[in-house]
Protein backbone atom coordinates (compact mmCIF):
# COMPACT_ATOMS: atom_id res chain seq x y z
CA UNK A 1 -95.05 -90.42 -63.86
CA UNK A 2 -98.05 -88.54 -65.23
CA UNK A 3 -101.36 -90.44 -65.16
CA UNK A 4 -104.16 -89.64 -67.60
CA UNK A 5 -107.25 -88.11 -66.01
CA UNK A 6 -109.33 -90.87 -67.62
CA UNK A 7 -107.92 -93.21 -64.97
CA UNK A 8 -109.51 -91.55 -61.95
CA UNK A 9 -113.22 -92.43 -62.42
CA UNK A 10 -112.25 -96.01 -63.28
CA UNK A 11 -109.82 -96.20 -60.37
CA UNK A 12 -112.46 -94.85 -57.98
CA UNK A 13 -114.95 -97.45 -59.23
CA UNK A 14 -112.43 -100.26 -58.67
CA UNK A 15 -111.70 -99.05 -55.12
CA UNK A 16 -115.43 -98.77 -54.35
CA UNK A 17 -116.32 -102.21 -55.72
CA UNK A 18 -113.28 -103.76 -54.04
CA UNK A 19 -114.26 -102.22 -50.70
CA UNK A 20 -117.80 -103.56 -51.00
CA UNK A 21 -116.49 -107.06 -51.77
CA UNK A 22 -114.10 -106.93 -48.80
CA UNK A 23 -116.81 -105.76 -46.40
CA UNK A 24 -119.15 -108.49 -47.66
CA UNK A 25 -116.63 -111.36 -47.73
CA UNK A 26 -113.84 -110.31 -45.34
CA UNK A 27 -111.55 -112.02 -47.85
CA UNK A 28 -107.99 -110.83 -48.46
CA UNK A 29 -108.20 -112.48 -51.87
CA UNK A 30 -110.66 -109.81 -52.98
CA UNK A 31 -108.22 -107.10 -51.81
CA UNK A 32 -105.39 -108.68 -53.78
CA UNK A 33 -107.61 -109.14 -56.86
CA UNK A 34 -108.83 -105.55 -56.97
CA UNK A 35 -105.36 -104.22 -56.15
CA UNK A 36 -104.02 -106.03 -59.21
CA UNK A 37 -106.75 -104.44 -61.34
CA UNK A 38 -105.89 -101.01 -59.92
CA UNK A 39 -102.17 -101.46 -60.66
CA UNK A 40 -103.00 -102.62 -64.20
CA UNK A 41 -105.13 -99.52 -64.80
CA UNK A 42 -102.41 -97.25 -63.41
CA UNK A 43 -99.92 -98.87 -65.78
CA UNK A 44 -102.27 -98.55 -68.72
CA UNK A 45 -103.10 -94.87 -68.16
CA UNK A 46 -99.51 -93.71 -67.59
CA UNK A 47 -98.49 -90.86 -69.84
CA UNK A 48 -94.72 -90.24 -69.70
CA UNK A 49 -93.13 -87.10 -71.07
CA UNK A 50 -91.28 -87.87 -74.30
CA UNK A 51 -88.85 -85.99 -76.51
CA UNK A 52 -88.14 -87.05 -80.12
CA UNK A 53 -84.74 -88.71 -80.52
CA UNK A 54 -84.16 -86.46 -83.54
CA UNK A 55 -84.71 -82.72 -83.95
CA UNK A 56 -85.10 -82.73 -87.73
CA UNK A 57 -88.56 -81.81 -89.03
CA UNK A 58 -87.90 -84.19 -91.91
CA UNK A 59 -87.97 -87.17 -89.54
CA UNK A 60 -91.16 -89.02 -88.67
CA UNK A 61 -91.80 -89.93 -85.04
CA UNK A 62 -93.68 -93.02 -83.88
CA UNK A 63 -97.34 -92.34 -83.02
CA UNK A 64 -97.54 -95.34 -80.67
CA UNK A 65 -95.64 -97.59 -78.30
CA UNK A 66 -95.40 -101.19 -79.45
CA UNK A 67 -94.04 -103.50 -82.13
CA UNK A 68 -94.03 -103.09 -85.91
CA UNK A 69 -96.16 -105.95 -87.30
CA UNK A 70 -96.69 -104.82 -90.90
CA UNK A 71 -94.57 -102.88 -93.39
CA UNK A 72 -95.87 -102.76 -96.95
CA UNK A 73 -97.14 -100.69 -99.87
CA UNK A 74 -100.84 -100.27 -100.60
CA UNK A 75 -103.07 -98.63 -103.16
CA UNK A 76 -105.46 -95.98 -101.89
CA UNK A 77 -108.92 -97.44 -102.43
CA UNK A 78 -112.06 -98.31 -100.51
CA UNK A 79 -112.38 -96.55 -97.16
CA UNK A 80 -109.07 -94.72 -97.58
CA UNK A 81 -110.10 -93.34 -100.98
CA UNK A 82 -113.43 -92.16 -99.56
CA UNK A 83 -111.61 -90.53 -96.67
CA UNK A 84 -108.96 -88.74 -98.77
CA UNK A 85 -110.34 -88.67 -102.36
CA UNK A 86 -107.33 -86.77 -103.73
CA UNK A 87 -105.16 -89.82 -103.03
CA UNK A 88 -107.42 -92.36 -104.73
CA UNK A 89 -105.48 -94.82 -106.90
CA UNK A 90 -102.09 -93.70 -105.62
CA UNK A 91 -99.48 -95.98 -104.09
CA UNK A 92 -98.57 -95.19 -100.49
CA UNK A 93 -96.51 -96.88 -97.78
CA UNK A 94 -97.81 -98.31 -94.53
CA UNK A 95 -96.58 -99.60 -91.21
CA UNK A 96 -98.78 -101.07 -88.47
CA UNK A 97 -97.83 -100.83 -84.78
CA UNK A 98 -99.35 -103.32 -82.34
CA UNK A 99 -99.84 -102.05 -78.77
CA UNK A 100 -100.16 -104.72 -76.08
CA UNK A 101 -102.18 -103.98 -72.91
CA UNK A 102 -98.86 -103.27 -71.17
CA UNK A 103 -97.74 -100.51 -73.57
CA UNK A 104 -98.42 -96.79 -73.15
CA UNK A 105 -101.61 -96.15 -75.12
CA UNK A 106 -101.42 -92.38 -75.60
CA UNK A 107 -100.92 -91.69 -79.32
CA UNK A 108 -98.93 -88.82 -80.82
CA UNK A 109 -98.58 -87.14 -84.18
CA UNK A 110 -95.69 -88.39 -86.37
CA UNK A 111 -95.39 -84.99 -88.10
CA UNK A 112 -96.26 -81.34 -87.68
CA UNK A 113 -99.26 -80.27 -89.71
CA UNK A 114 -102.95 -79.47 -89.87
CA UNK A 115 -105.73 -81.90 -89.02
CA UNK A 116 -107.72 -81.86 -92.24
CA UNK A 117 -110.25 -84.49 -91.22
CA UNK A 118 -111.12 -86.93 -88.44
CA UNK A 119 -113.54 -89.78 -89.11
CA UNK A 120 -114.87 -92.57 -86.88
CA UNK A 121 -115.56 -95.81 -88.71
CA UNK A 122 -117.58 -98.68 -87.30
CA UNK A 123 -116.15 -102.16 -87.63
CA UNK A 124 -115.32 -105.39 -85.85
CA UNK A 125 -113.08 -106.14 -82.90
CA UNK A 126 -110.61 -108.70 -84.24
CA UNK A 127 -107.37 -109.17 -82.36
CA UNK A 128 -105.20 -106.17 -83.15
CA UNK A 129 -102.15 -108.20 -84.18
CA UNK A 130 -104.11 -109.80 -87.05
CA UNK A 131 -103.97 -108.07 -90.45
CA UNK A 132 -107.76 -108.17 -90.82
CA UNK A 133 -108.03 -105.90 -87.77
CA UNK A 134 -107.46 -102.95 -90.13
CA UNK A 135 -111.25 -103.12 -90.64
CA UNK A 136 -111.99 -102.93 -86.91
CA UNK A 137 -113.73 -99.98 -85.31
CA UNK A 138 -111.27 -97.12 -85.83
CA UNK A 139 -110.58 -93.40 -86.03
CA UNK A 140 -108.97 -92.08 -89.21
CA UNK A 141 -106.84 -88.92 -89.23
CA UNK A 142 -105.90 -86.93 -92.32
CA UNK A 143 -102.90 -84.75 -91.49
CA UNK A 144 -101.45 -82.32 -94.04
CA UNK A 145 -97.95 -81.02 -93.47
CA UNK A 146 -97.08 -77.36 -93.94
CA UNK A 147 -95.52 -78.17 -97.30
CA UNK A 148 -98.73 -79.82 -98.52
CA UNK A 149 -97.97 -83.54 -98.05
CA UNK A 150 -100.75 -85.86 -96.89
CA UNK A 151 -100.45 -88.47 -94.14
CA UNK A 152 -103.16 -90.82 -92.88
CA UNK A 153 -103.21 -92.23 -89.36
CA UNK A 154 -105.59 -95.00 -88.28
CA UNK A 155 -106.24 -95.64 -84.58
CA UNK A 156 -107.68 -99.16 -84.48
CA UNK A 157 -109.55 -100.77 -81.58
CA UNK A 158 -108.65 -104.37 -80.75
CA UNK A 159 -110.51 -107.35 -79.30
CA UNK A 160 -110.50 -105.84 -75.80
CA UNK A 161 -110.41 -102.14 -76.62
CA UNK A 162 -113.86 -100.74 -77.35
CA UNK A 163 -113.18 -97.03 -77.01
CA UNK A 164 -110.96 -94.47 -78.71
CA UNK A 165 -110.68 -90.92 -77.36
CA UNK A 166 -109.29 -88.05 -79.43
CA UNK A 167 -107.73 -84.89 -78.02
CA UNK A 168 -107.78 -82.77 -81.18
CA UNK A 169 -110.35 -81.54 -83.68
CA UNK A 170 -110.45 -80.78 -87.39
CA UNK A 171 -108.57 -77.61 -88.25
CA UNK A 172 -106.12 -77.86 -85.36
CA UNK A 173 -102.40 -77.49 -85.97
CA UNK A 174 -100.47 -80.26 -84.24
CA UNK A 175 -96.76 -80.48 -83.59
CA UNK A 176 -94.63 -83.54 -84.19
CA UNK A 177 -94.83 -85.70 -81.06
CA UNK A 178 -97.91 -83.92 -79.68
CA UNK A 179 -100.57 -86.06 -77.99
CA UNK A 180 -103.62 -86.65 -80.21
CA UNK A 181 -105.60 -89.43 -78.52
CA UNK A 182 -105.73 -92.70 -76.61
CA UNK A 183 -106.97 -96.21 -77.42
CA UNK A 184 -108.08 -98.41 -74.55
CA UNK A 185 -106.58 -101.79 -73.57
CA UNK A 186 -104.55 -103.18 -76.44
CA UNK A 187 -104.86 -101.98 -80.00
CA UNK A 188 -103.08 -100.93 -83.19
CA UNK A 189 -102.05 -97.78 -85.08
CA UNK A 190 -101.43 -97.74 -88.85
CA UNK A 191 -99.35 -95.00 -90.45
CA UNK A 192 -99.72 -94.22 -94.20
CA UNK A 193 -97.14 -91.96 -95.81
CA UNK A 194 -96.49 -90.63 -99.34
CA UNK A 195 -94.70 -93.11 -101.59
CA UNK A 196 -91.63 -90.89 -101.92
CA UNK A 197 -91.07 -90.88 -98.15
CA UNK A 198 -89.21 -93.72 -96.42
CA UNK A 199 -89.78 -95.79 -93.30
CA UNK A 200 -86.64 -96.50 -91.27
CA UNK A 201 -88.11 -99.31 -89.14
CA UNK A 202 -88.65 -103.00 -89.89
CA UNK A 203 -91.15 -105.65 -88.86
CA UNK A 204 -90.36 -106.76 -85.32
CA UNK A 205 -88.84 -103.45 -84.20
CA UNK A 206 -90.03 -101.94 -80.90
CA UNK A 207 -90.93 -98.24 -80.97
CA UNK A 208 -91.95 -95.56 -78.46
CA UNK A 209 -94.59 -92.90 -79.11
CA UNK A 210 -93.20 -89.40 -79.39
CA UNK A 211 -89.61 -90.64 -79.30
CA UNK A 212 -88.56 -93.26 -81.88
CA UNK A 213 -87.72 -92.18 -85.42
CA UNK A 214 -89.75 -94.34 -87.81
CA UNK A 215 -89.02 -92.65 -91.14
CA UNK A 216 -87.96 -89.57 -92.99
CA UNK A 217 -88.85 -87.23 -95.83
CA UNK A 218 -86.51 -87.57 -98.81
């Protein structure tokens, strides 16, 4: 199992602090406690290799591990309209994927296309499974497919997560299923697609990043 490099400084810190506590207290409880933290971090930073369950470029792949908590239609306004002005006033479709602290937190691109824009937005830290968490601190992605269709991805920090790392930059071409970033310790990813596209998942479904088909282009 591949482990993200972000784990190693944190893992080293846990081992160091745990060793200091053990030397100071001679308590096996401290060893057990810090071992549990280390195992949790290893689990969180795992980064398994994934292959899409479908080879069709017309199929959308899940950007995150977790559970579908929202599936609806929205009008592009407010922050979304400022982010992608050409979509202002249009109806688009959305799903939200909640990632628990036990899910893989590496995010992937649902489609192949160009990164038109990446924007960090400040916000709160509501629990990620609540609808109002869409206004949390987040990173917005505008991805344009090769045939000119626009998709928006929102990486949203939760009550525990306070950091989002991105692996790509504006102007990059990304392939469907390619790694684009990571959110720390429980969070949410929202996917916005053109109204004429379809989602093939429902609220309550479990999905895997880079593997599960979540929709398709008509």
